[in-house]
Amino acid sequence: MKVAHIEDIPVLGSRIVRTDTMDIAIFRNSDDQVFALKDECPHKQGPLSQGIVHGSSVTCPLHNWKIDLASGEALGVDEGCTNAFETKIEDNIVYLRQ
């Protein structure tokens, strides 16, 4: 699925893609890597799209859980996982595989 031009996703930010079943947050880090996660923290379903991106993780805005952008796994002592989706960039267009 074609999602957006890479420049439409802010560096250290995200954009939301709405599907029939869920919202997916598309993240861009400072290295122009793009990641996609279900927009729901595994802890209390906080909106990860509103979190702070740092390196290859995002911090949930509700309770500061750190989530790995590549795997969707909680980092540190926290446990849980959210859905991660494959992305690719081709000719500066971001694509998502659901």
C-alpha atoms as a PDB file:
ATOM      1  CA  MET A   1       0.000   0.000   0.000  1.00  0.00           C
ATOM      2  CA  LYS A   2       1.357   3.408  -0.964  1.00  0.00           C
ATOM      3  CA  VAL A   3       1.375   5.572   2.163  1.00  0.00           C
ATOM      4  CA  ALA A   4       3.090   8.920   1.594  1.00  0.00           C
ATOM      5  CA  HIS A   5       6.085  10.747   0.227  1.00  0.00           C
ATOM      6  CA  ILE A   6       8.887  10.479   2.798  1.00  0.00           C
ATOM      7  CA  GLU A   7       8.939  14.278   3.161  1.00  0.00           C
ATOM      8  CA  ASP A   8       5.296  14.141   4.335  1.00  0.00           C
ATOM      9  CA  ILE A   9       6.437  12.319   7.480  1.00  0.00           C
ATOM     10  CA  PRO A  10       8.279  14.694   9.809  1.00  0.00           C
ATOM     11  CA  VAL A  11      11.755  13.722  11.009  1.00  0.00           C
ATOM     12  CA  LEU A  12      11.337  12.305  14.540  1.00  0.00           C
ATOM     13  CA  GLY A  13       7.597  12.290  13.983  1.00  0.00           C
ATOM     14  CA  SER A  14       4.787  10.223  12.539  1.00  0.00           C
ATOM     15  CA  ARG A  15       1.682  10.108  10.379  1.00  0.00           C
ATOM     16  CA  ILE A  16      -1.421   7.947  10.799  1.00  0.00           C
ATOM     17  CA  VAL A  17      -2.760   5.517   8.210  1.00  0.00           C
ATOM     18  CA  ARG A  18      -6.324   4.422   8.914  1.00  0.00           C
ATOM     19  CA  THR A  19      -7.407   0.960   7.783  1.00  0.00           C
ATOM     20  CA  ASP A  20     -10.703  -0.870   8.194  1.00  0.00           C
ATOM     21  CA  THR A  21      -9.419  -2.575  11.337  1.00  0.00           C
ATOM     22  CA  MET A  22      -6.886  -0.233  12.998  1.00  0.00           C
ATOM     23  CA  ASP A  23      -4.807   2.921  12.909  1.00  0.00           C
ATOM     24  CA  ILE A  24      -1.173   2.431  11.917  1.00  0.00           C
ATOM     25  CA  ALA A  25       1.480   4.978  12.894  1.00  0.00           C
ATOM     26  CA  ILE A  26       4.231   5.529  10.311  1.00  0.00           C
ATOM     27  CA  PHE A  27       7.395   6.851  11.988  1.00  0.00           C
ATOM     28  CA  ARG A  28      10.508   8.497  10.536  1.00  0.00           C
ATOM     29  CA  ASN A  29      13.692   8.707  12.584  1.00  0.00           C
ATOM     30  CA  SER A  30      16.659  11.053  12.203  1.00  0.00           C
ATOM     31  CA  ASP A  31      18.372   8.584   9.827  1.00  0.00           C
ATOM     32  CA  ASP A  32      15.339   8.687   7.475  1.00  0.00           C
ATOM     33  CA  GLN A  33      14.424   5.125   8.400  1.00  0.00           C
ATOM     34  CA  VAL A  34      10.686   4.487   8.296  1.00  0.00           C
ATOM     35  CA  PHE A  35       8.792   2.133  10.617  1.00  0.00           C
ATOM     36  CA  ALA A  36       5.137   1.197  11.056  1.00  0.00           C
ATOM     37  CA  LEU A  37       3.379   0.127  14.256  1.00  0.00           C
ATOM     38  CA  LYS A  38      -0.201  -0.317  15.322  1.00  0.00           C
ATOM     39  CA  ASP A  39      -0.958   3.038  16.940  1.00  0.00           C
ATOM     40  CA  GLU A  40      -1.520   1.456  20.331  1.00  0.00           C
ATOM     41  CA  CYS A  41       0.907   0.966  23.208  1.00  0.00           C
ATOM     42  CA  PRO A  42       0.738  -2.569  24.625  1.00  0.00           C
ATOM     43  CA  HIS A  43       0.427  -1.153  28.151  1.00  0.00           C
ATOM     44  CA  LYS A  44      -2.716   1.014  28.195  1.00  0.00           C
ATOM     45  CA  GLN A  45      -3.312   1.489  24.451  1.00  0.00           C
ATOM     46  CA  GLY A  46      -1.774   4.973  24.405  1.00  0.00           C
ATOM     47  CA  PRO A  47      -1.384   6.631  20.984  1.00  0.00           C
ATOM     48  CA  LEU A  48       2.202   5.859  19.976  1.00  0.00           C
ATOM     49  CA  SER A  49       1.877   8.327  17.084  1.00  0.00           C
ATOM     50  CA  GLN A  50       1.912  11.110  19.685  1.00  0.00           C
ATOM     51  CA  GLY A  51       5.060   9.791  21.375  1.00  0.00           C
ATOM     52  CA  ILE A  52       8.654  10.956  21.134  1.00  0.00           C
ATOM     53  CA  VAL A  53      10.834   9.220  18.535  1.00  0.00           C
ATOM     54  CA  HIS A  54      14.486   8.700  19.511  1.00  0.00           C
ATOM     55  CA  GLY A  55      16.868   6.447  17.610  1.00  0.00           C
ATOM     56  CA  SER A  56      14.904   3.342  16.706  1.00  0.00           C
ATOM     57  CA  SER A  57      12.284   3.575  19.448  1.00  0.00           C
ATOM     58  CA  VAL A  58       9.281   5.645  20.464  1.00  0.00           C
ATOM     59  CA  THR A  59       8.216   6.614  23.980  1.00  0.00           C
ATOM     60  CA  CYS A  60       4.491   6.331  24.686  1.00  0.00           C
ATOM     61  CA  PRO A  61       3.024   9.674  25.793  1.00  0.00           C
ATOM     62  CA  LEU A  62       0.875   8.126  28.552  1.00  0.00           C
ATOM     63  CA  HIS A  63       3.291   6.203  30.791  1.00  0.00           C
ATOM     64  CA  ASN A  64       6.730   6.544  29.145  1.00  0.00           C
ATOM     65  CA  TRP A  65       6.985   2.967  27.893  1.00  0.00           C
ATOM     66  CA  LYS A  66       9.702   2.692  25.250  1.00  0.00           C
ATOM     67  CA  ILE A  67       8.712   0.632  22.201  1.00  0.00           C
ATOM     68  CA  ASP A  68      11.157  -0.688  19.588  1.00  0.00           C
ATOM     69  CA  LEU A  69      10.086   0.685  16.198  1.00  0.00           C
ATOM     70  CA  ALA A  70      11.305  -2.351  14.245  1.00  0.00           C
ATOM     71  CA  SER A  71       9.695  -5.092  16.345  1.00  0.00           C
ATOM     72  CA  GLY A  72       6.953  -3.363  18.355  1.00  0.00           C
ATOM     73  CA  GLU A  73       8.405  -4.893  21.546  1.00  0.00           C
ATOM     74  CA  ALA A  74       8.500  -3.013  24.837  1.00  0.00           C
ATOM     75  CA  LEU A  75      12.068  -2.208  25.932  1.00  0.00           C
ATOM     76  CA  GLY A  76      13.677  -2.347  29.362  1.00  0.00           C
ATOM     77  CA  VAL A  77      11.761  -3.958  32.216  1.00  0.00           C
ATOM     78  CA  ASP A  78       8.373  -3.462  30.549  1.00  0.00           C
ATOM     79  CA  GLU A  79       6.770  -6.398  28.753  1.00  0.00           C
ATOM     80  CA  GLY A  80       4.397  -6.427  25.807  1.00  0.00           C
ATOM     81  CA  CYS A  81       4.283  -5.949  22.092  1.00  0.00           C
ATOM     82  CA  THR A  82       2.267  -4.089  19.480  1.00  0.00           C
ATOM     83  CA  ASN A  83       1.921  -5.072  15.823  1.00  0.00           C
ATOM     84  CA  ALA A  84       4.831  -4.053  13.591  1.00  0.00           C
ATOM     85  CA  PHE A  85       4.464  -3.824   9.812  1.00  0.00           C
ATOM     86  CA  GLU A  86       6.983  -3.986   6.996  1.00  0.00           C
ATOM     87  CA  THR A  87       7.776  -0.739   5.189  1.00  0.00           C
ATOM     88  CA  LYS A  88       9.936   0.167   2.230  1.00  0.00           C
ATOM     89  CA  ILE A  89      10.973   3.379   0.530  1.00  0.00           C
ATOM     90  CA  GLU A  90      11.132   3.438  -3.250  1.00  0.00           C
ATOM     91  CA  ASP A  91      11.714   6.684  -5.188  1.00  0.00           C
ATOM     92  CA  ASN A  92      11.040   8.602  -1.924  1.00  0.00           C
ATOM     93  CA  ILE A  93       7.583   6.999  -1.637  1.00  0.00           C
ATOM     94  CA  VAL A  94       6.803   5.047   1.546  1.00  0.00           C
ATOM     95  CA  TYR A  95       5.012   1.733   1.142  1.00  0.00           C
ATOM     96  CA  LEU A  96       3.383  -0.382   3.850  1.00  0.00           C
ATOM     97  CA  ARG A  97       2.664  -4.104   3.872  1.00  0.00           C
ATOM     98  CA  GLN A  98      -0.228  -5.056   6.158  1.00  0.00           C
END
